Amino acid sequence: SLAVELNAAKSLPPVVARRYTIESGTLRYFEPYFIDAQNYKEFQKQSIVPRILFYLSGGQDDEKLFTEVVCKSFSDIDLVVLCLSGNQLRDAVSETQALKSVQINRQELNTDPIAKREFEDRLTAAEQSQSNSLQALIDSPEVNNWYHRGNLKAARNKRALQNLMSEVLNDAYHCAPIIHNELVNRDTPSATANGARNKLVWAILQNELEEDLGIDKFPPEKAIYRSVFKSSGLHYKDASGNWKFANYDYLKKHNPSNNFMPLLEEIHSFLKETHGKPKSFIELNEKLLSAPFGIKVGLLSLLYVFAIISYQDNLAVTE
């Protein structure tokens, strides 16, 4: 199966939605996968990470299946592509695979330097042809048909494709807060970011009443604090001149259009459901990591510390 072969080789890198990433502060990208009439059911309809699903058509029957079923079989954060260039791609991949098989199985190449050099030139050319055919799926989107939610979308060039990806993400993650901080607004923060996050948690717990949480100069934890808590109004100065963390009721009354309100409403609703019995944060993780929130893992601990402080008079946390 060509689709299985390409997926196993991870033939295409993720495609970053550049405009959305710049505007939202959150790096988002589409993971490319290859599907066909035989394996498309093996892919889950829902996915945490947006995907581009390239459907490799083998003829009119495959195209009919695509338009009637496949293009409508995936989630709102997925783009599904009918590849009209499937045969050319199959030829390019087959050529490369055949040459690699010769390289492994024919020991004569090791004893004939001229044949070996000619073979390596041919293999390099075949690999380049395969790479060009795959990259053309992204660089020349107009060659294929792009679908979202079962509807055909215009992708006349790379710029139009980028616009399409940003539109899909804006719609899918409409409840995601805008946070411009690359240290923690990611799924796998660096060791430096983790250290800064831990220091920030300590400052949150110890210095709530101080401006900038009492953080002197400009270490990384101060940048995280300002981008996540201060600029959003989650840590604010009240009428008496005291600094404090806002709770859900305060924001709902005084700042209902706050960037974080949809997220805080979800947390508030989750905590209300614990009135009768305890619930695991794992359940909340699943909701916040998925659309329409799409919170990055690096931010979860900070958001939970903020929630625990906001509800400290009504909340018990056990491990």
C-alpha atoms as a PDB file:
ATOM      1  CA  SER A   1       0.000   0.000   0.000  1.00  0.00           C
ATOM      2  CA  LEU A   2       1.429   3.335  -1.052  1.00  0.00           C
ATOM      3  CA  ALA A   3      -0.394   5.123   1.783  1.00  0.00           C
ATOM      4  CA  VAL A   4       1.002   2.739   4.397  1.00  0.00           C
ATOM      5  CA  GLU A   5       4.499   3.052   2.943  1.00  0.00           C
ATOM      6  CA  LEU A   6       4.428   6.855   2.984  1.00  0.00           C
ATOM      7  CA  ASN A   7       3.035   7.012   6.525  1.00  0.00           C
ATOM      8  CA  ALA A   8       5.679   4.620   7.810  1.00  0.00           C
ATOM      9  CA  ALA A   9       8.435   6.728   6.248  1.00  0.00           C
ATOM     10  CA  LYS A  10       6.968  10.008   7.594  1.00  0.00           C
ATOM     11  CA  SER A  11       7.470  11.369   4.124  1.00  0.00           C
ATOM     12  CA  LEU A  12       6.193  14.900   4.731  1.00  0.00           C
ATOM     13  CA  PRO A  13       7.025  17.175   7.684  1.00  0.00           C
ATOM     14  CA  PRO A  14       4.248  19.004   9.579  1.00  0.00           C
ATOM     15  CA  VAL A  15       2.861  22.083   7.823  1.00  0.00           C
ATOM     16  CA  VAL A  16       2.858  25.156  10.071  1.00  0.00           C
ATOM     17  CA  ALA A  17      -0.090  27.547   9.837  1.00  0.00           C
ATOM     18  CA  ARG A  18       2.083  30.648   9.861  1.00  0.00           C
ATOM     19  CA  ARG A  19      -0.522  33.420   9.953  1.00  0.00           C
ATOM     20  CA  TYR A  20      -2.505  31.786  12.724  1.00  0.00           C
ATOM     21  CA  THR A  21       0.647  31.101  14.744  1.00  0.00           C
ATOM     22  CA  ILE A  22       1.799  34.734  14.535  1.00  0.00           C
ATOM     23  CA  GLU A  23      -1.606  36.208  15.386  1.00  0.00           C
ATOM     24  CA  SER A  24      -2.506  33.840  18.221  1.00  0.00           C
ATOM     25  CA  GLY A  25       0.947  33.322  19.716  1.00  0.00           C
ATOM     26  CA  THR A  26       0.346  29.563  19.653  1.00  0.00           C
ATOM     27  CA  LEU A  27       2.310  27.336  17.299  1.00  0.00           C
ATOM     28  CA  ARG A  28      -0.142  25.150  15.418  1.00  0.00           C
ATOM     29  CA  TYR A  29       0.542  22.866  12.506  1.00  0.00           C
ATOM     30  CA  PHE A  30      -1.118  20.178  10.438  1.00  0.00           C
ATOM     31  CA  GLU A  31       0.237  16.638  10.564  1.00  0.00           C
ATOM     32  CA  PRO A  32       0.222  15.085   7.056  1.00  0.00           C
ATOM     33  CA  TYR A  33      -1.042  11.532   6.580  1.00  0.00           C
ATOM     34  CA  PHE A  34      -1.839   9.417   3.537  1.00  0.00           C
ATOM     35  CA  ILE A  35      -5.041   7.437   3.240  1.00  0.00           C
ATOM     36  CA  ASP A  36      -6.746   5.359   0.574  1.00  0.00           C
ATOM     37  CA  ALA A  37      -9.945   3.390   0.053  1.00  0.00           C
ATOM     38  CA  GLN A  38      -8.605   0.538   2.188  1.00  0.00           C
ATOM     39  CA  ASN A  39      -7.115   2.278   5.221  1.00  0.00           C
ATOM     40  CA  TYR A  40      -9.109   5.498   5.767  1.00  0.00           C
ATOM     41  CA  LYS A  41     -11.323   3.821   8.386  1.00  0.00           C
ATOM     42  CA  GLU A  42      -8.233   3.069  10.488  1.00  0.00           C
ATOM     43  CA  PHE A  43      -7.829   6.788  11.236  1.00  0.00           C
ATOM     44  CA  GLN A  44      -9.857   8.143  14.130  1.00  0.00           C
ATOM     45  CA  LYS A  45     -12.392  10.776  13.250  1.00  0.00           C
ATOM     46  CA  GLN A  46     -11.338  13.000  16.161  1.00  0.00           C
ATOM     47  CA  SER A  47      -7.759  14.139  16.642  1.00  0.00           C
ATOM     48  CA  ILE A  48      -6.124  16.563  19.082  1.00  0.00           C
ATOM     49  CA  VAL A  49      -3.646  17.687  16.409  1.00  0.00           C
ATOM     50  CA  PRO A  50      -4.989  19.081  13.100  1.00  0.00           C
ATOM     51  CA  ARG A  51      -4.281  16.822  10.134  1.00  0.00           C
ATOM     52  CA  ILE A  52      -4.010  16.986   6.361  1.00  0.00           C
ATOM     53  CA  LEU A  53      -5.252  13.651   5.039  1.00  0.00           C
ATOM     54  CA  PHE A  54      -4.087  13.023   1.473  1.00  0.00           C
ATOM     55  CA  TYR A  55      -6.410  10.532  -0.199  1.00  0.00           C
ATOM     56  CA  LEU A  56      -4.594   8.550  -2.887  1.00  0.00           C
ATOM     57  CA  SER A  57      -7.110   7.766  -5.567  1.00  0.00           C
ATOM     58  CA  GLY A  58      -6.664   4.768  -7.840  1.00  0.00           C
ATOM     59  CA  GLY A  59      -9.520   5.446 -10.227  1.00  0.00           C
ATOM     60  CA  GLN A  60     -13.099   6.641 -10.650  1.00  0.00           C
ATOM     61  CA  ASP A  61     -14.469   4.251  -8.029  1.00  0.00           C
ATOM     62  CA  ASP A  62     -12.041   5.634  -5.463  1.00  0.00           C
ATOM     63  CA  GLU A  63     -12.982   9.207  -6.356  1.00  0.00           C
ATOM     64  CA  LYS A  64     -16.676   8.398  -5.966  1.00  0.00           C
ATOM     65  CA  LEU A  65     -16.013   6.890  -2.534  1.00  0.00           C
ATOM     66  CA  PHE A  66     -14.070  10.006  -1.587  1.00  0.00           C
ATOM     67  CA  THR A  67     -16.775  12.512  -2.568  1.00  0.00           C
ATOM     68  CA  GLU A  68     -19.600  10.476  -1.024  1.00  0.00           C
ATOM     69  CA  VAL A  69     -17.962   9.250   2.179  1.00  0.00           C
ATOM     70  CA  VAL A  70     -14.301   9.959   2.883  1.00  0.00           C
ATOM     71  CA  CYS A  71     -14.308  13.757   2.661  1.00  0.00           C
ATOM     72  CA  LYS A  72     -17.048  13.853   5.332  1.00  0.00           C
ATOM     73  CA  SER A  73     -15.471  11.285   7.664  1.00  0.00           C
ATOM     74  CA  PHE A  74     -13.115  13.463   9.688  1.00  0.00           C
ATOM     75  CA  SER A  75     -13.214  16.233  12.287  1.00  0.00           C
ATOM     76  CA  ASP A  76     -13.523  20.007  12.006  1.00  0.00           C
ATOM     77  CA  ILE A  77      -9.768  20.503  12.460  1.00  0.00           C
ATOM     78  CA  ASP A  78      -8.855  18.259   9.523  1.00  0.00           C
ATOM     79  CA  LEU A  79      -8.330  19.018   5.845  1.00  0.00           C
ATOM     80  CA  VAL A  80      -8.977  16.132   3.460  1.00  0.00           C
ATOM     81  CA  VAL A  81      -7.338  16.210   0.032  1.00  0.00           C
ATOM     82  CA  LEU A  82      -8.260  14.273  -3.086  1.00  0.00           C
ATOM     83  CA  CYS A  83      -4.880  13.615  -4.733  1.00  0.00           C
ATOM     84  CA  LEU A  84      -5.337  13.660  -8.477  1.00  0.00           C
ATOM     85  CA  SER A  85      -1.616  13.010  -8.925  1.00  0.00           C
ATOM     86  CA  GLY A  86      -1.660   9.657  -7.106  1.00  0.00           C
ATOM     87  CA  ASN A  87      -0.371   7.637 -10.059  1.00  0.00           C
ATOM     88  CA  GLN A  88       2.680   9.872 -10.576  1.00  0.00           C
ATOM     89  CA  LEU A  89       3.436   9.723  -6.883  1.00  0.00           C
ATOM     90  CA  ARG A  90       3.073   5.936  -6.920  1.00  0.00           C
ATOM     91  CA  ASP A  91       5.531   5.669  -9.825  1.00  0.00           C
ATOM     92  CA  ALA A  92       8.092   7.874  -8.054  1.00  0.00           C
ATOM     93  CA  VAL A  93       7.860   5.927  -4.772  1.00  0.00           C
ATOM     94  CA  SER A  94       7.971   2.563  -6.552  1.00  0.00           C
ATOM     95  CA  GLU A  95      11.134   3.547  -8.400  1.00  0.00           C
ATOM     96  CA  THR A  96      12.838   4.568  -5.148  1.00  0.00           C
ATOM     97  CA  GLN A  97      11.745   1.424  -3.321  1.00  0.00           C
ATOM     98  CA  ALA A  98      12.924  -0.817  -6.171  1.00  0.00           C
ATOM     99  CA  LEU A  99      16.358   0.811  -6.215  1.00  0.00           C
ATOM    100  CA  LYS A 100      16.699   0.516  -2.440  1.00  0.00           C
ATOM    101  CA  SER A 101      15.854  -3.163  -2.734  1.00  0.00           C
ATOM    102  CA  VAL A 102      18.639  -3.559  -5.317  1.00  0.00           C
ATOM    103  CA  GLN A 103      21.034  -1.720  -3.002  1.00  0.00           C
ATOM    104  CA  ILE A 104      20.303  -4.172  -0.178  1.00  0.00           C
ATOM    105  CA  ASN A 105      20.176  -7.408  -2.135  1.00  0.00           C
ATOM    106  CA  ARG A 106      22.757  -7.072  -4.925  1.00  0.00           C
ATOM    107  CA  GLN A 107      26.262  -7.407  -3.515  1.00  0.00           C
ATOM    108  CA  GLU A 108      27.810  -7.030  -6.991  1.00  0.00           C
ATOM    109  CA  LEU A 109      27.591  -3.270  -6.563  1.00  0.00           C
ATOM    110  CA  ASN A 110      30.327  -3.439  -3.929  1.00  0.00           C
ATOM    111  CA  THR A 111      32.795  -4.962  -6.402  1.00  0.00           C
ATOM    112  CA  ASP A 112      32.146  -2.727  -9.396  1.00  0.00           C
ATOM    113  CA  PRO A 113      32.930   0.941  -8.560  1.00  0.00           C
ATOM    114  CA  ILE A 114      31.633   2.255 -11.890  1.00  0.00           C
ATOM    115  CA  ALA A 115      28.310   0.452 -11.560  1.00  0.00           C
ATOM    116  CA  LYS A 116      28.094   1.559  -7.926  1.00  0.00           C
ATOM    117  CA  ARG A 117      28.630   5.205  -8.858  1.00  0.00           C
ATOM    118  CA  GLU A 118      26.035   5.031 -11.644  1.00  0.00           C
ATOM    119  CA  PHE A 119      23.609   3.269  -9.320  1.00  0.00           C
ATOM    120  CA  GLU A 120      24.053   5.893  -6.592  1.00  0.00           C
ATOM    121  CA  ASP A 121      23.430   8.664  -9.129  1.00  0.00           C
ATOM    122  CA  ARG A 122      20.229   6.970 -10.229  1.00  0.00           C
ATOM    123  CA  LEU A 123      19.082   6.405  -6.625  1.00  0.00           C
ATOM    124  CA  THR A 124      19.773  10.037  -5.753  1.00  0.00           C
ATOM    125  CA  ALA A 125      17.751  11.175  -8.773  1.00  0.00           C
ATOM    126  CA  ALA A 126      14.884   8.851  -7.833  1.00  0.00           C
ATOM    127  CA  GLU A 127      14.849  10.065  -4.229  1.00  0.00           C
ATOM    128  CA  GLN A 128      14.871  13.668  -5.418  1.00  0.00           C
ATOM    129  CA  SER A 129      11.979  12.945  -7.784  1.00  0.00           C
ATOM    130  CA  GLN A 130      10.016  11.345  -4.939  1.00  0.00           C
ATOM    131  CA  SER A 131      10.777  14.269  -2.642  1.00  0.00           C
ATOM    132  CA  ASN A 132       9.682  16.773  -5.305  1.00  0.00           C
ATOM    133  CA  SER A 133       6.438  14.867  -5.921  1.00  0.00           C
ATOM    134  CA  LEU A 134       5.630  14.855  -2.228  1.00  0.00           C
ATOM    135  CA  GLN A 135       6.559  18.489  -1.649  1.00  0.00           C
ATOM    136  CA  ALA A 136       4.414  19.486  -4.627  1.00  0.00           C
ATOM    137  CA  LEU A 137       1.372  18.394  -2.609  1.00  0.00           C
ATOM    138  CA  ILE A 138       1.994  21.454  -0.402  1.00  0.00           C
ATOM    139  CA  ASP A 139       3.815  23.770  -2.826  1.00  0.00           C
ATOM    140  CA  SER A 140       1.243  23.326  -5.630  1.00  0.00           C
ATOM    141  CA  PRO A 141      -2.067  22.812  -3.800  1.00  0.00           C
ATOM    142  CA  GLU A 142      -4.046  23.823  -6.893  1.00  0.00           C
ATOM    143  CA  VAL A 143      -3.215  20.458  -8.488  1.00  0.00           C
ATOM    144  CA  ASN A 144      -5.471  18.629  -6.019  1.00  0.00           C
ATOM    145  CA  ASN A 145      -8.922  19.147  -4.477  1.00  0.00           C
ATOM    146  CA  TRP A 146      -9.052  20.342  -0.848  1.00  0.00           C
ATOM    147  CA  TYR A 147     -12.050  19.676   1.392  1.00  0.00           C
ATOM    148  CA  HIS A 148     -13.098  20.802   4.847  1.00  0.00           C
ATOM    149  CA  ARG A 149     -16.232  19.436   6.526  1.00  0.00           C
ATOM    150  CA  GLY A 150     -17.104  17.804   3.227  1.00  0.00           C
ATOM    151  CA  ASN A 151     -17.022  21.110   1.303  1.00  0.00           C
ATOM    152  CA  LEU A 152     -14.625  21.862  -1.547  1.00  0.00           C
ATOM    153  CA  LYS A 153     -12.301  24.768  -0.678  1.00  0.00           C
ATOM    154  CA  ALA A 154     -10.265  27.082  -2.887  1.00  0.00           C
ATOM    155  CA  ALA A 155      -6.495  26.534  -2.642  1.00  0.00           C
ATOM    156  CA  ARG A 156      -5.156  28.225  -5.751  1.00  0.00           C
ATOM    157  CA  ASN A 157      -1.602  28.625  -4.417  1.00  0.00           C
ATOM    158  CA  LYS A 158       0.496  28.326  -1.260  1.00  0.00           C
ATOM    159  CA  ARG A 159      -0.767  31.651   0.089  1.00  0.00           C
ATOM    160  CA  ALA A 160      -4.369  30.583  -0.380  1.00  0.00           C
ATOM    161  CA  LEU A 161      -3.572  27.294   1.368  1.00  0.00           C
ATOM    162  CA  GLN A 162      -2.083  29.168   4.314  1.00  0.00           C
ATOM    163  CA  ASN A 163      -5.220  31.309   4.501  1.00  0.00           C
ATOM    164  CA  LEU A 164      -7.372  28.185   4.426  1.00  0.00           C
ATOM    165  CA  MET A 165      -5.394  26.582   7.252  1.00  0.00           C
ATOM    166  CA  SER A 166      -5.654  29.726   9.385  1.00  0.00           C
ATOM    167  CA  GLU A 167      -9.405  29.944   8.781  1.00  0.00           C
ATOM    168  CA  VAL A 168      -9.856  26.314   9.830  1.00  0.00           C
ATOM    169  CA  LEU A 169      -7.844  26.856  13.007  1.00  0.00           C
ATOM    170  CA  ASN A 170      -9.549  30.150  13.904  1.00  0.00           C
ATOM    171  CA  ASP A 171     -12.889  28.426  13.651  1.00  0.00           C
ATOM    172  CA  ALA A 172     -11.807  25.255  15.451  1.00  0.00           C
ATOM    173  CA  TYR A 173      -9.986  27.005  18.336  1.00  0.00           C
ATOM    174  CA  HIS A 174     -12.345  29.931  18.829  1.00  0.00           C
ATOM    175  CA  CYS A 175     -12.117  29.560  22.636  1.00  0.00           C
ATOM    176  CA  ALA A 176      -8.311  29.553  22.810  1.00  0.00           C
ATOM    177  CA  PRO A 177      -6.785  32.536  24.671  1.00  0.00           C
ATOM    178  CA  ILE A 178      -4.133  34.614  22.898  1.00  0.00           C
ATOM    179  CA  ILE A 179      -0.824  34.158  24.723  1.00  0.00           C
ATOM    180  CA  HIS A 180       2.381  35.531  23.217  1.00  0.00           C
ATOM    181  CA  ASN A 181       4.993  33.559  25.112  1.00  0.00           C
ATOM    182  CA  GLU A 182       7.013  30.834  23.447  1.00  0.00           C
ATOM    183  CA  LEU A 183       8.588  29.663  26.712  1.00  0.00           C
ATOM    184  CA  VAL A 184       5.521  27.886  28.116  1.00  0.00           C
ATOM    185  CA  ASN A 185       2.973  28.122  25.315  1.00  0.00           C
ATOM    186  CA  ARG A 186       4.110  24.810  23.872  1.00  0.00           C
ATOM    187  CA  ASP A 187       3.598  21.094  24.443  1.00  0.00           C
ATOM    188  CA  THR A 188       7.162  20.322  25.553  1.00  0.00           C
ATOM    189  CA  PRO A 189       8.745  23.313  27.336  1.00  0.00           C
ATOM    190  CA  SER A 190      12.527  23.405  27.636  1.00  0.00           C
ATOM    191  CA  ALA A 191      14.374  22.844  30.898  1.00  0.00           C
ATOM    192  CA  THR A 192      14.810  26.625  31.191  1.00  0.00           C
ATOM    193  CA  ALA A 193      11.089  27.181  30.725  1.00  0.00           C
ATOM    194  CA  ASN A 194      10.215  24.498  33.272  1.00  0.00           C
ATOM    195  CA  GLY A 195      12.548  26.077  35.809  1.00  0.00           C
ATOM    196  CA  ALA A 196      11.040  29.513  35.208  1.00  0.00           C
ATOM    197  CA  ARG A 197       7.536  28.072  35.506  1.00  0.00           C
ATOM    198  CA  ASN A 198       8.363  26.513  38.877  1.00  0.00           C
ATOM    199  CA  LYS A 199       9.733  29.825  40.154  1.00  0.00           C
ATOM    200  CA  LEU A 200       6.600  31.571  38.918  1.00  0.00           C
ATOM    201  CA  VAL A 201       4.369  29.112  40.775  1.00  0.00           C
ATOM    202  CA  TRP A 202       6.298  29.855  43.970  1.00  0.00           C
ATOM    203  CA  ALA A 203       5.861  33.604  43.404  1.00  0.00           C
ATOM    204  CA  ILE A 204       2.133  33.131  42.745  1.00  0.00           C
ATOM    205  CA  LEU A 205       1.712  31.315  46.047  1.00  0.00           C
ATOM    206  CA  GLN A 206       3.878  33.669  48.094  1.00  0.00           C
ATOM    207  CA  ASN A 207       3.523  37.172  46.626  1.00  0.00           C
ATOM    208  CA  GLU A 208      -0.006  37.576  45.299  1.00  0.00           C
ATOM    209  CA  LEU A 209      -0.347  41.080  46.830  1.00  0.00           C
ATOM    210  CA  GLU A 210       2.798  42.480  45.190  1.00  0.00           C
ATOM    211  CA  GLU A 211       3.139  44.063  41.766  1.00  0.00           C
ATOM    212  CA  ASP A 212       4.773  41.649  39.305  1.00  0.00           C
ATOM    213  CA  LEU A 213       4.509  39.105  42.148  1.00  0.00           C
ATOM    214  CA  GLY A 214       7.613  40.681  43.650  1.00  0.00           C
ATOM    215  CA  ILE A 215       9.828  39.424  40.807  1.00  0.00           C
ATOM    216  CA  ASP A 216      12.828  41.747  40.396  1.00  0.00           C
ATOM    217  CA  LYS A 217      14.568  42.614  37.143  1.00  0.00           C
ATOM    218  CA  PHE A 218      13.535  40.566  34.081  1.00  0.00           C
ATOM    219  CA  PRO A 219      14.085  36.810  34.503  1.00  0.00           C
ATOM    220  CA  PRO A 220      12.112  34.364  32.290  1.00  0.00           C
ATOM    221  CA  GLU A 221       9.426  33.829  34.940  1.00  0.00           C
ATOM    222  CA  LYS A 222       8.569  37.539  34.804  1.00  0.00           C
ATOM    223  CA  ALA A 223       8.030  37.356  31.034  1.00  0.00           C
ATOM    224  CA  ILE A 224       5.733  34.360  31.529  1.00  0.00           C
ATOM    225  CA  TYR A 225       3.829  36.145  34.307  1.00  0.00           C
ATOM    226  CA  ARG A 226       3.282  39.288  32.264  1.00  0.00           C
ATOM    227  CA  SER A 227       2.118  37.479  29.130  1.00  0.00           C
ATOM    228  CA  VAL A 228      -0.183  35.021  30.909  1.00  0.00           C
ATOM    229  CA  PHE A 229      -1.483  36.841  34.006  1.00  0.00           C
ATOM    230  CA  LYS A 230      -0.793  40.578  33.918  1.00  0.00           C
ATOM    231  CA  SER A 231      -1.635  41.466  30.316  1.00  0.00           C
ATOM    232  CA  SER A 232      -4.800  39.363  30.506  1.00  0.00           C
ATOM    233  CA  GLY A 233      -6.044  40.983  33.705  1.00  0.00           C
ATOM    234  CA  LEU A 234      -5.991  37.737  35.666  1.00  0.00           C
ATOM    235  CA  HIS A 235      -3.699  39.512  38.154  1.00  0.00           C
ATOM    236  CA  TYR A 236      -4.907  43.080  38.659  1.00  0.00           C
ATOM    237  CA  LYS A 237      -4.784  46.082  40.995  1.00  0.00           C
ATOM    238  CA  ASP A 238      -8.074  46.693  42.789  1.00  0.00           C
ATOM    239  CA  ALA A 239      -9.599  50.025  43.792  1.00  0.00           C
ATOM    240  CA  SER A 240      -7.630  50.006  47.030  1.00  0.00           C
ATOM    241  CA  GLY A 241      -4.352  49.690  45.168  1.00  0.00           C
ATOM    242  CA  ASN A 242      -3.827  46.061  46.152  1.00  0.00           C
ATOM    243  CA  TRP A 243      -2.797  43.390  43.680  1.00  0.00           C
ATOM    244  CA  LYS A 244      -4.835  40.185  43.587  1.00  0.00           C
ATOM    245  CA  PHE A 245      -5.842  37.335  41.346  1.00  0.00           C
ATOM    246  CA  ALA A 246      -9.212  37.656  39.679  1.00  0.00           C
ATOM    247  CA  ASN A 247     -11.764  34.932  40.194  1.00  0.00           C
ATOM    248  CA  TYR A 248     -14.456  33.796  37.800  1.00  0.00           C
ATOM    249  CA  ASP A 249     -17.252  35.878  39.371  1.00  0.00           C
ATOM    250  CA  TYR A 250     -15.166  39.062  39.290  1.00  0.00           C
ATOM    251  CA  LEU A 251     -14.255  38.644  35.628  1.00  0.00           C
ATOM    252  CA  LYS A 252     -17.815  37.752  34.655  1.00  0.00           C
ATOM    253  CA  LYS A 253     -19.056  40.966  36.258  1.00  0.00           C
ATOM    254  CA  HIS A 254     -16.269  43.422  35.442  1.00  0.00           C
ATOM    255  CA  ASN A 255     -14.570  42.002  32.360  1.00  0.00           C
ATOM    256  CA  PRO A 256     -16.873  39.533  30.559  1.00  0.00           C
ATOM    257  CA  SER A 257     -15.027  39.977  27.260  1.00  0.00           C
ATOM    258  CA  ASN A 258     -11.739  38.881  28.821  1.00  0.00           C
ATOM    259  CA  ASN A 259      -9.589  36.783  26.533  1.00  0.00           C
ATOM    260  CA  PHE A 260      -9.613  33.940  29.075  1.00  0.00           C
ATOM    261  CA  MET A 261     -13.358  33.851  29.824  1.00  0.00           C
ATOM    262  CA  PRO A 262     -14.315  30.827  27.654  1.00  0.00           C
ATOM    263  CA  LEU A 263     -11.484  28.851  29.246  1.00  0.00           C
ATOM    264  CA  LEU A 264     -12.401  29.963  32.774  1.00  0.00           C
ATOM    265  CA  GLU A 265     -16.043  29.103  32.136  1.00  0.00           C
ATOM    266  CA  GLU A 266     -15.005  25.557  31.240  1.00  0.00           C
ATOM    267  CA  ILE A 267     -12.907  25.262  34.414  1.00  0.00           C
ATOM    268  CA  HIS A 268     -15.746  26.765  36.477  1.00  0.00           C
ATOM    269  CA  SER A 269     -18.234  24.305  35.030  1.00  0.00           C
ATOM    270  CA  PHE A 270     -15.883  21.395  35.713  1.00  0.00           C
ATOM    271  CA  LEU A 271     -15.360  22.418  39.339  1.00  0.00           C
ATOM    272  CA  LYS A 272     -19.099  22.833  39.894  1.00  0.00           C
ATOM    273  CA  GLU A 273     -19.537  19.225  38.811  1.00  0.00           C
ATOM    274  CA  THR A 274     -17.260  18.120  41.680  1.00  0.00           C
ATOM    275  CA  HIS A 275     -19.813  19.262  44.273  1.00  0.00           C
ATOM    276  CA  GLY A 276     -21.299  15.789  44.630  1.00  0.00           C
ATOM    277  CA  LYS A 277     -18.155  13.747  44.064  1.00  0.00           C
ATOM    278  CA  PRO A 278     -14.486  14.367  43.258  1.00  0.00           C
ATOM    279  CA  LYS A 279     -13.255  14.400  39.664  1.00  0.00           C
ATOM    280  CA  SER A 280      -9.804  13.959  38.188  1.00  0.00           C
ATOM    281  CA  PHE A 281      -7.923  16.769  36.495  1.00  0.00           C
ATOM    282  CA  ILE A 282      -7.255  14.226  33.737  1.00  0.00           C
ATOM    283  CA  GLU A 283     -10.852  14.740  32.590  1.00  0.00           C
ATOM    284  CA  LEU A 284     -10.279  18.477  32.433  1.00  0.00           C
ATOM    285  CA  ASN A 285      -6.985  17.952  30.604  1.00  0.00           C
ATOM    286  CA  GLU A 286      -8.783  16.150  27.789  1.00  0.00           C
ATOM    287  CA  LYS A 287     -11.226  19.018  27.355  1.00  0.00           C
ATOM    288  CA  LEU A 288      -8.680  21.819  27.511  1.00  0.00           C
ATOM    289  CA  LEU A 289      -6.136  20.174  25.222  1.00  0.00           C
ATOM    290  CA  SER A 290      -8.745  19.579  22.517  1.00  0.00           C
ATOM    291  CA  ALA A 291     -10.688  22.005  20.364  1.00  0.00           C
ATOM    292  CA  PRO A 292     -12.197  24.542  20.880  1.00  0.00           C
ATOM    293  CA  PHE A 293      -9.551  25.413  23.513  1.00  0.00           C
ATOM    294  CA  GLY A 294      -6.342  23.744  22.315  1.00  0.00           C
ATOM    295  CA  ILE A 295      -4.346  24.722  25.405  1.00  0.00           C
ATOM    296  CA  LYS A 296      -0.694  23.705  25.270  1.00  0.00           C
ATOM    297  CA  VAL A 297       0.573  21.282  27.926  1.00  0.00           C
ATOM    298  CA  GLY A 298       3.126  23.799  29.198  1.00  0.00           C
ATOM    299  CA  LEU A 299       0.343  26.133  30.363  1.00  0.00           C
ATOM    300  CA  LEU A 300      -1.874  23.627  32.159  1.00  0.00           C
ATOM    301  CA  SER A 301      -0.055  23.675  35.494  1.00  0.00           C
ATOM    302  CA  LEU A 302      -0.137  27.490  35.644  1.00  0.00           C
ATOM    303  CA  LEU A 303      -3.843  27.544  34.840  1.00  0.00           C
ATOM    304  CA  TYR A 304      -4.562  24.961  37.526  1.00  0.00           C
ATOM    305  CA  VAL A 305      -2.577  26.864  40.162  1.00  0.00           C
ATOM    306  CA  PHE A 306      -4.545  29.978  39.240  1.00  0.00           C
ATOM    307  CA  ALA A 307      -7.827  28.051  39.506  1.00  0.00           C
ATOM    308  CA  ILE A 308      -6.900  26.581  42.892  1.00  0.00           C
ATOM    309  CA  ILE A 309      -6.091  30.066  44.226  1.00  0.00           C
ATOM    310  CA  SER A 310      -9.305  31.508  42.776  1.00  0.00           C
ATOM    311  CA  TYR A 311     -11.434  28.802  44.422  1.00  0.00           C
ATOM    312  CA  GLN A 312      -9.306  28.264  47.521  1.00  0.00           C
ATOM    313  CA  ASP A 313     -12.223  28.855  49.939  1.00  0.00           C
ATOM    314  CA  ASN A 314     -14.384  26.223  48.234  1.00  0.00           C
ATOM    315  CA  LEU A 315     -11.940  23.705  46.843  1.00  0.00           C
ATOM    316  CA  ALA A 316     -10.009  20.747  48.236  1.00  0.00           C
ATOM    317  CA  VAL A 317      -7.311  19.081  46.144  1.00  0.00           C
ATOM    318  CA  THR A 318      -6.153  15.543  46.932  1.00  0.00           C
ATOM    319  CA  GLU A 319      -3.411  13.393  45.453  1.00  0.00           C
END
